[in-house]
Amino acid sequence: MTQYLVSSIMRTEIVTLTRDTPIRKAVALLVENRAAAAPVISDDGALDGILTQKDCFRPALHASYHQEWTGSVADYMTPEVVTLETSHDAVRAAEMFLAYPHRVFPVLENARLAGLLHRSEVLGLLTRMG
């Protein structure tokens, strides 16, 4: 199992956001792309946070009550992000999914975003290998 690296099973075609993206637009992008989460990237390309579907419920409920969307991604994102590295193996990724309630981890290579790893990919790999 250690021969399977995160880089071989992560998704590289992903939605990314910036801190100043209006939250309404960010929610729409997540929904349209059926994305569980989107990394938030700073102007210099560094990972600044993550916006998950769960993070989007508060502004969506607010909008349903008040008929208006307010705020930006920075107002709702999770700034402390747990990440994996492209060089980590699938066993380490599986252990991370056991240790954290997350459905998705951003994957970094040389401190830059390389993709996202969904727990469904790791579970699928484990199923095929077992």
N, C-alpha and C. Protein backbone atom coordinates (compact mmCIF):
# COMPACT_ATOMS: atom_id res chain seq x y z
N MET A 1 0.81 -1.19 0.00
CA MET A 1 0.00 0.00 0.00
C MET A 1 0.86 1.26 0.00
N THR A 2 2.06 1.15 0.54
CA THR A 2 2.92 2.33 0.60
C THR A 2 3.42 2.76 -0.77
N GLN A 3 3.24 1.92 -1.79
CA GLN A 3 3.67 2.32 -3.13
C GLN A 3 2.69 3.30 -3.77
N TYR A 4 1.52 3.47 -3.18
CA TYR A 4 0.54 4.42 -3.70
C TYR A 4 0.70 5.76 -3.00
N LEU A 5 1.18 6.74 -3.76
CA LEU A 5 1.38 8.07 -3.20
C LEU A 5 0.11 8.91 -3.36
N VAL A 6 -0.04 9.86 -2.49
CA VAL A 6 -1.17 10.79 -2.56
C VAL A 6 -1.21 11.44 -3.94
N SER A 7 -0.06 11.75 -4.50
CA SER A 7 -0.01 12.40 -5.82
C SER A 7 -0.68 11.58 -6.91
N SER A 8 -0.75 10.26 -6.74
CA SER A 8 -1.33 9.40 -7.77
C SER A 8 -2.85 9.28 -7.66
N ILE A 9 -3.43 9.70 -6.55
CA ILE A 9 -4.89 9.56 -6.39
C ILE A 9 -5.61 10.88 -6.11
N MET A 10 -4.86 11.98 -5.96
CA MET A 10 -5.49 13.27 -5.68
C MET A 10 -6.12 13.85 -6.94
N ARG A 11 -7.02 14.79 -6.74
CA ARG A 11 -7.63 15.52 -7.85
C ARG A 11 -6.84 16.80 -8.09
N THR A 12 -6.55 17.07 -9.35
CA THR A 12 -5.78 18.27 -9.68
C THR A 12 -6.63 19.34 -10.37
N GLU A 13 -7.76 18.96 -10.92
CA GLU A 13 -8.67 19.94 -11.52
C GLU A 13 -9.69 20.31 -10.45
N ILE A 14 -9.42 21.42 -9.78
CA ILE A 14 -10.22 21.80 -8.62
C ILE A 14 -10.62 23.28 -8.69
N VAL A 15 -11.66 23.59 -7.96
CA VAL A 15 -12.09 24.98 -7.81
C VAL A 15 -11.21 25.62 -6.74
N THR A 16 -10.71 26.81 -7.02
CA THR A 16 -9.99 27.58 -6.00
C THR A 16 -10.67 28.94 -5.85
N LEU A 17 -10.48 29.52 -4.68
CA LEU A 17 -11.09 30.81 -4.34
C LEU A 17 -10.04 31.75 -3.78
N THR A 18 -10.41 33.01 -3.67
CA THR A 18 -9.58 33.98 -2.96
C THR A 18 -10.38 34.49 -1.77
N ARG A 19 -9.69 35.13 -0.84
CA ARG A 19 -10.35 35.66 0.36
C ARG A 19 -11.45 36.66 0.01
N ASP A 20 -11.27 37.41 -1.07
CA ASP A 20 -12.23 38.46 -1.40
C ASP A 20 -13.34 38.01 -2.34
N THR A 21 -13.39 36.74 -2.70
CA THR A 21 -14.50 36.23 -3.51
C THR A 21 -15.80 36.41 -2.73
N PRO A 22 -16.82 37.01 -3.32
CA PRO A 22 -18.10 37.11 -2.63
C PRO A 22 -18.61 35.71 -2.25
N ILE A 23 -19.15 35.60 -1.05
CA ILE A 23 -19.57 34.28 -0.57
C ILE A 23 -20.64 33.66 -1.46
N ARG A 24 -21.53 34.47 -2.02
CA ARG A 24 -22.57 33.94 -2.90
C ARG A 24 -21.94 33.27 -4.12
N LYS A 25 -20.94 33.90 -4.70
CA LYS A 25 -20.25 33.33 -5.86
C LYS A 25 -19.52 32.05 -5.46
N ALA A 26 -18.89 32.05 -4.29
CA ALA A 26 -18.15 30.87 -3.82
C ALA A 26 -19.09 29.69 -3.61
N VAL A 27 -20.23 29.94 -2.99
CA VAL A 27 -21.22 28.87 -2.77
C VAL A 27 -21.69 28.32 -4.11
N ALA A 28 -21.99 29.21 -5.05
CA ALA A 28 -22.43 28.78 -6.37
C ALA A 28 -21.37 27.91 -7.06
N LEU A 29 -20.11 28.29 -6.94
CA LEU A 29 -19.03 27.49 -7.55
C LEU A 29 -18.94 26.10 -6.93
N LEU A 30 -19.07 26.02 -5.60
CA LEU A 30 -19.04 24.72 -4.94
C LEU A 30 -20.19 23.85 -5.43
N VAL A 31 -21.38 24.43 -5.46
CA VAL A 31 -22.56 23.68 -5.88
C VAL A 31 -22.46 23.25 -7.34
N GLU A 32 -22.12 24.18 -8.22
CA GLU A 32 -22.03 23.87 -9.65
C GLU A 32 -21.00 22.78 -9.95
N ASN A 33 -19.91 22.78 -9.18
CA ASN A 33 -18.84 21.81 -9.42
C ASN A 33 -18.94 20.58 -8.53
N ARG A 34 -20.02 20.50 -7.76
CA ARG A 34 -20.22 19.37 -6.84
C ARG A 34 -18.98 19.15 -5.98
N ALA A 35 -18.42 20.26 -5.52
CA ALA A 35 -17.18 20.23 -4.74
C ALA A 35 -17.50 20.27 -3.25
N ALA A 36 -16.86 19.41 -2.49
CA ALA A 36 -17.03 19.40 -1.04
C ALA A 36 -16.33 20.58 -0.39
N ALA A 37 -15.31 21.09 -1.06
CA ALA A 37 -14.52 22.19 -0.51
C ALA A 37 -13.70 22.82 -1.62
N ALA A 38 -13.21 24.03 -1.32
CA ALA A 38 -12.33 24.72 -2.26
C ALA A 38 -11.21 25.40 -1.48
N PRO A 39 -9.98 25.19 -1.88
CA PRO A 39 -8.87 25.89 -1.25
C PRO A 39 -8.97 27.39 -1.51
N VAL A 40 -8.54 28.16 -0.53
CA VAL A 40 -8.49 29.62 -0.66
C VAL A 40 -7.02 29.99 -0.85
N ILE A 41 -6.73 30.64 -1.95
CA ILE A 41 -5.36 30.93 -2.34
C ILE A 41 -5.08 32.43 -2.18
N SER A 42 -3.91 32.77 -1.64
CA SER A 42 -3.52 34.17 -1.48
C SER A 42 -3.00 34.71 -2.81
N ASP A 43 -2.75 36.02 -2.84
CA ASP A 43 -2.25 36.65 -4.06
C ASP A 43 -0.93 36.07 -4.53
N ASP A 44 -0.11 35.60 -3.61
CA ASP A 44 1.18 35.02 -3.99
C ASP A 44 1.11 33.51 -4.24
N GLY A 45 -0.10 32.95 -4.24
CA GLY A 45 -0.29 31.55 -4.57
C GLY A 45 -0.21 30.59 -3.40
N ALA A 46 -0.04 31.10 -2.19
CA ALA A 46 0.03 30.24 -1.01
C ALA A 46 -1.37 29.85 -0.54
N LEU A 47 -1.47 28.72 0.13
CA LEU A 47 -2.73 28.26 0.69
C LEU A 47 -3.08 29.14 1.89
N ASP A 48 -4.22 29.80 1.81
CA ASP A 48 -4.64 30.77 2.82
C ASP A 48 -5.73 30.21 3.73
N GLY A 49 -6.41 29.17 3.27
CA GLY A 49 -7.51 28.58 4.03
C GLY A 49 -8.28 27.62 3.15
N ILE A 50 -9.44 27.21 3.66
CA ILE A 50 -10.31 26.33 2.88
C ILE A 50 -11.75 26.70 3.19
N LEU A 51 -12.58 26.65 2.18
CA LEU A 51 -14.01 26.88 2.34
C LEU A 51 -14.72 25.57 2.04
N THR A 52 -15.43 25.05 3.02
CA THR A 52 -16.14 23.78 2.86
C THR A 52 -17.63 24.03 2.68
N GLN A 53 -18.33 23.01 2.24
CA GLN A 53 -19.78 23.11 2.15
C GLN A 53 -20.36 23.45 3.52
N LYS A 54 -19.83 22.85 4.56
CA LYS A 54 -20.32 23.12 5.91
C LYS A 54 -20.15 24.60 6.26
N ASP A 55 -19.02 25.19 5.88
CA ASP A 55 -18.80 26.62 6.12
C ASP A 55 -19.85 27.48 5.44
N CYS A 56 -20.43 26.98 4.37
CA CYS A 56 -21.37 27.76 3.56
C CYS A 56 -22.80 27.76 4.10
N PHE A 57 -23.10 26.90 5.04
CA PHE A 57 -24.47 26.83 5.55
C PHE A 57 -24.89 28.11 6.27
N ARG A 58 -24.02 28.71 7.06
CA ARG A 58 -24.39 29.93 7.79
C ARG A 58 -24.79 31.06 6.82
N PRO A 59 -23.95 31.40 5.84
CA PRO A 59 -24.37 32.48 4.93
C PRO A 59 -25.59 32.09 4.08
N ALA A 60 -25.72 30.83 3.74
CA ALA A 60 -26.88 30.40 2.95
C ALA A 60 -28.16 30.51 3.77
N LEU A 61 -28.12 30.12 5.02
CA LEU A 61 -29.29 30.27 5.89
C LEU A 61 -29.63 31.75 6.09
N HIS A 62 -28.60 32.55 6.32
CA HIS A 62 -28.81 34.00 6.46
C HIS A 62 -29.51 34.56 5.22
N ALA A 63 -29.03 34.15 4.06
CA ALA A 63 -29.63 34.64 2.80
C ALA A 63 -31.06 34.17 2.65
N SER A 64 -31.37 32.96 3.11
CA SER A 64 -32.74 32.47 2.98
C SER A 64 -33.69 33.23 3.91
N TYR A 65 -33.19 33.67 5.06
CA TYR A 65 -34.02 34.45 5.99
C TYR A 65 -34.18 35.90 5.55
N HIS A 66 -33.09 36.51 5.10
CA HIS A 66 -33.06 37.95 4.85
C HIS A 66 -33.06 38.32 3.36
N GLN A 67 -33.08 37.32 2.50
CA GLN A 67 -33.11 37.55 1.06
C GLN A 67 -31.93 38.37 0.57
N GLU A 68 -30.77 38.22 1.21
CA GLU A 68 -29.56 38.88 0.73
C GLU A 68 -28.33 38.11 1.19
N TRP A 69 -27.34 38.12 0.33
CA TRP A 69 -26.06 37.48 0.63
C TRP A 69 -25.10 38.58 1.05
N THR A 70 -24.39 38.34 2.14
CA THR A 70 -23.40 39.32 2.58
C THR A 70 -22.10 38.61 2.93
N GLY A 71 -21.01 39.30 2.71
CA GLY A 71 -19.71 38.79 3.11
C GLY A 71 -18.92 38.18 1.98
N SER A 72 -17.71 37.83 2.34
CA SER A 72 -16.78 37.23 1.38
C SER A 72 -16.28 35.90 1.96
N VAL A 73 -15.52 35.20 1.17
CA VAL A 73 -14.94 33.94 1.59
C VAL A 73 -14.17 34.10 2.90
N ALA A 74 -13.44 35.21 3.05
CA ALA A 74 -12.64 35.45 4.26
C ALA A 74 -13.49 35.42 5.53
N ASP A 75 -14.76 35.79 5.41
CA ASP A 75 -15.65 35.83 6.57
C ASP A 75 -16.08 34.44 7.04
N TYR A 76 -15.98 33.44 6.19
CA TYR A 76 -16.54 32.13 6.50
C TYR A 76 -15.56 30.96 6.39
N MET A 77 -14.42 31.17 5.75
CA MET A 77 -13.46 30.09 5.51
C MET A 77 -12.82 29.61 6.81
N THR A 78 -12.21 28.46 6.74
CA THR A 78 -11.42 27.92 7.84
C THR A 78 -9.96 28.27 7.54
N PRO A 79 -9.34 29.12 8.37
CA PRO A 79 -7.98 29.55 8.05
C PRO A 79 -6.89 28.53 8.43
N GLU A 80 -7.14 27.72 9.45
CA GLU A 80 -6.16 26.71 9.85
C GLU A 80 -6.46 25.42 9.10
N VAL A 81 -5.61 25.09 8.16
CA VAL A 81 -5.88 23.97 7.27
C VAL A 81 -4.93 22.81 7.56
N VAL A 82 -5.52 21.62 7.69
CA VAL A 82 -4.74 20.40 7.81
C VAL A 82 -4.46 19.91 6.39
N THR A 83 -3.21 19.64 6.09
CA THR A 83 -2.83 19.28 4.71
C THR A 83 -2.07 17.96 4.67
N LEU A 84 -1.98 17.44 3.47
CA LEU A 84 -1.13 16.30 3.15
C LEU A 84 -0.09 16.78 2.14
N GLU A 85 0.94 15.99 1.96
CA GLU A 85 1.98 16.26 0.95
C GLU A 85 1.83 15.24 -0.19
N THR A 86 2.24 15.65 -1.38
CA THR A 86 2.16 14.73 -2.53
C THR A 86 2.98 13.47 -2.29
N SER A 87 4.01 13.56 -1.47
CA SER A 87 4.89 12.42 -1.22
C SER A 87 4.37 11.47 -0.14
N HIS A 88 3.30 11.84 0.55
CA HIS A 88 2.73 10.94 1.55
C HIS A 88 2.11 9.74 0.86
N ASP A 89 2.09 8.62 1.56
CA ASP A 89 1.47 7.44 0.97
C ASP A 89 0.01 7.33 1.38
N ALA A 90 -0.70 6.42 0.72
CA ALA A 90 -2.14 6.25 0.94
C ALA A 90 -2.45 5.81 2.36
N VAL A 91 -1.57 5.06 2.99
CA VAL A 91 -1.78 4.64 4.38
C VAL A 91 -1.81 5.86 5.29
N ARG A 92 -0.86 6.75 5.10
CA ARG A 92 -0.85 7.98 5.91
C ARG A 92 -2.12 8.78 5.67
N ALA A 93 -2.55 8.87 4.44
CA ALA A 93 -3.79 9.60 4.12
C ALA A 93 -4.98 8.95 4.82
N ALA A 94 -5.07 7.63 4.78
CA ALA A 94 -6.17 6.92 5.45
C ALA A 94 -6.15 7.20 6.95
N GLU A 95 -4.97 7.20 7.54
CA GLU A 95 -4.85 7.50 8.97
C GLU A 95 -5.29 8.93 9.28
N MET A 96 -5.00 9.86 8.37
CA MET A 96 -5.43 11.24 8.56
C MET A 96 -6.95 11.35 8.49
N PHE A 97 -7.57 10.61 7.58
CA PHE A 97 -9.02 10.64 7.50
C PHE A 97 -9.66 10.01 8.74
N LEU A 98 -8.99 9.08 9.36
CA LEU A 98 -9.48 8.53 10.63
C LEU A 98 -9.33 9.54 11.77
N ALA A 99 -8.26 10.30 11.75
CA ALA A 99 -7.95 11.22 12.85
C ALA A 99 -8.76 12.52 12.79
N TYR A 100 -9.21 12.91 11.60
CA TYR A 100 -9.92 14.18 11.42
C TYR A 100 -11.27 13.91 10.77
N PRO A 101 -12.27 14.75 11.05
CA PRO A 101 -13.60 14.54 10.45
C PRO A 101 -13.73 15.06 9.02
N HIS A 102 -12.64 15.49 8.42
CA HIS A 102 -12.67 16.12 7.09
C HIS A 102 -13.00 15.13 5.98
N ARG A 103 -13.66 15.65 4.96
CA ARG A 103 -13.94 14.85 3.76
C ARG A 103 -12.87 15.05 2.70
N VAL A 104 -12.09 16.14 2.84
CA VAL A 104 -11.11 16.54 1.84
C VAL A 104 -9.90 17.14 2.54
N PHE A 105 -8.72 16.84 2.01
CA PHE A 105 -7.50 17.50 2.47
C PHE A 105 -6.82 18.17 1.28
N PRO A 106 -6.41 19.42 1.43
CA PRO A 106 -5.55 20.01 0.40
C PRO A 106 -4.21 19.27 0.40
N VAL A 107 -3.64 19.15 -0.78
CA VAL A 107 -2.35 18.47 -0.93
C VAL A 107 -1.34 19.50 -1.40
N LEU A 108 -0.20 19.55 -0.71
CA LEU A 108 0.85 20.51 -1.04
C LEU A 108 2.07 19.81 -1.62
N GLU A 109 2.77 20.57 -2.45
CA GLU A 109 4.08 20.14 -2.95
C GLU A 109 4.97 21.38 -2.92
N ASN A 110 6.06 21.30 -2.18
CA ASN A 110 6.95 22.45 -2.00
C ASN A 110 6.18 23.68 -1.49
N ALA A 111 5.31 23.45 -0.53
CA ALA A 111 4.51 24.50 0.13
C ALA A 111 3.50 25.17 -0.79
N ARG A 112 3.22 24.58 -1.93
CA ARG A 112 2.23 25.12 -2.88
C ARG A 112 1.13 24.09 -3.09
N LEU A 113 -0.09 24.58 -3.34
CA LEU A 113 -1.22 23.71 -3.58
C LEU A 113 -0.99 22.87 -4.84
N ALA A 114 -1.14 21.57 -4.70
CA ALA A 114 -0.99 20.66 -5.84
C ALA A 114 -2.32 20.01 -6.22
N GLY A 115 -3.25 19.92 -5.26
CA GLY A 115 -4.53 19.29 -5.53
C GLY A 115 -5.31 19.08 -4.25
N LEU A 116 -6.37 18.28 -4.37
CA LEU A 116 -7.20 17.91 -3.22
C LEU A 116 -7.32 16.40 -3.18
N LEU A 117 -7.30 15.85 -1.98
CA LEU A 117 -7.52 14.42 -1.81
C LEU A 117 -8.83 14.23 -1.07
N HIS A 118 -9.76 13.52 -1.71
CA HIS A 118 -11.05 13.22 -1.11
C HIS A 118 -10.98 11.85 -0.43
N ARG A 119 -11.67 11.72 0.67
CA ARG A 119 -11.62 10.43 1.37
C ARG A 119 -12.19 9.31 0.52
N SER A 120 -13.10 9.63 -0.42
CA SER A 120 -13.65 8.59 -1.29
C SER A 120 -12.57 7.97 -2.16
N GLU A 121 -11.57 8.75 -2.57
CA GLU A 121 -10.48 8.18 -3.36
C GLU A 121 -9.65 7.20 -2.56
N VAL A 122 -9.37 7.56 -1.31
CA VAL A 122 -8.59 6.68 -0.44
C VAL A 122 -9.39 5.42 -0.12
N LEU A 123 -10.65 5.58 0.20
CA LEU A 123 -11.49 4.41 0.49
C LEU A 123 -11.60 3.50 -0.73
N GLY A 124 -11.76 4.10 -1.90
CA GLY A 124 -11.81 3.30 -3.13
C GLY A 124 -10.53 2.51 -3.35
N LEU A 125 -9.39 3.14 -3.12
CA LEU A 125 -8.11 2.46 -3.26
C LEU A 125 -8.01 1.31 -2.27
N LEU A 126 -8.36 1.57 -1.03
CA LEU A 126 -8.31 0.51 -0.01
C LEU A 126 -9.22 -0.66 -0.39
N THR A 127 -10.37 -0.36 -0.94
CA THR A 127 -11.31 -1.41 -1.35
C THR A 127 -10.73 -2.24 -2.49
N ARG A 128 -10.14 -1.57 -3.46
CA ARG A 128 -9.53 -2.31 -4.60
C ARG A 128 -8.35 -3.15 -4.15
N MET A 129 -7.60 -2.65 -3.17
CA MET A 129 -6.41 -3.37 -2.71
C MET A 129 -6.74 -4.53 -1.79
N GLY A 130 -7.87 -4.42 -1.09
CA GLY A 130 -8.23 -5.43 -0.08
C GLY A 130 -8.95 -6.56 -0.70
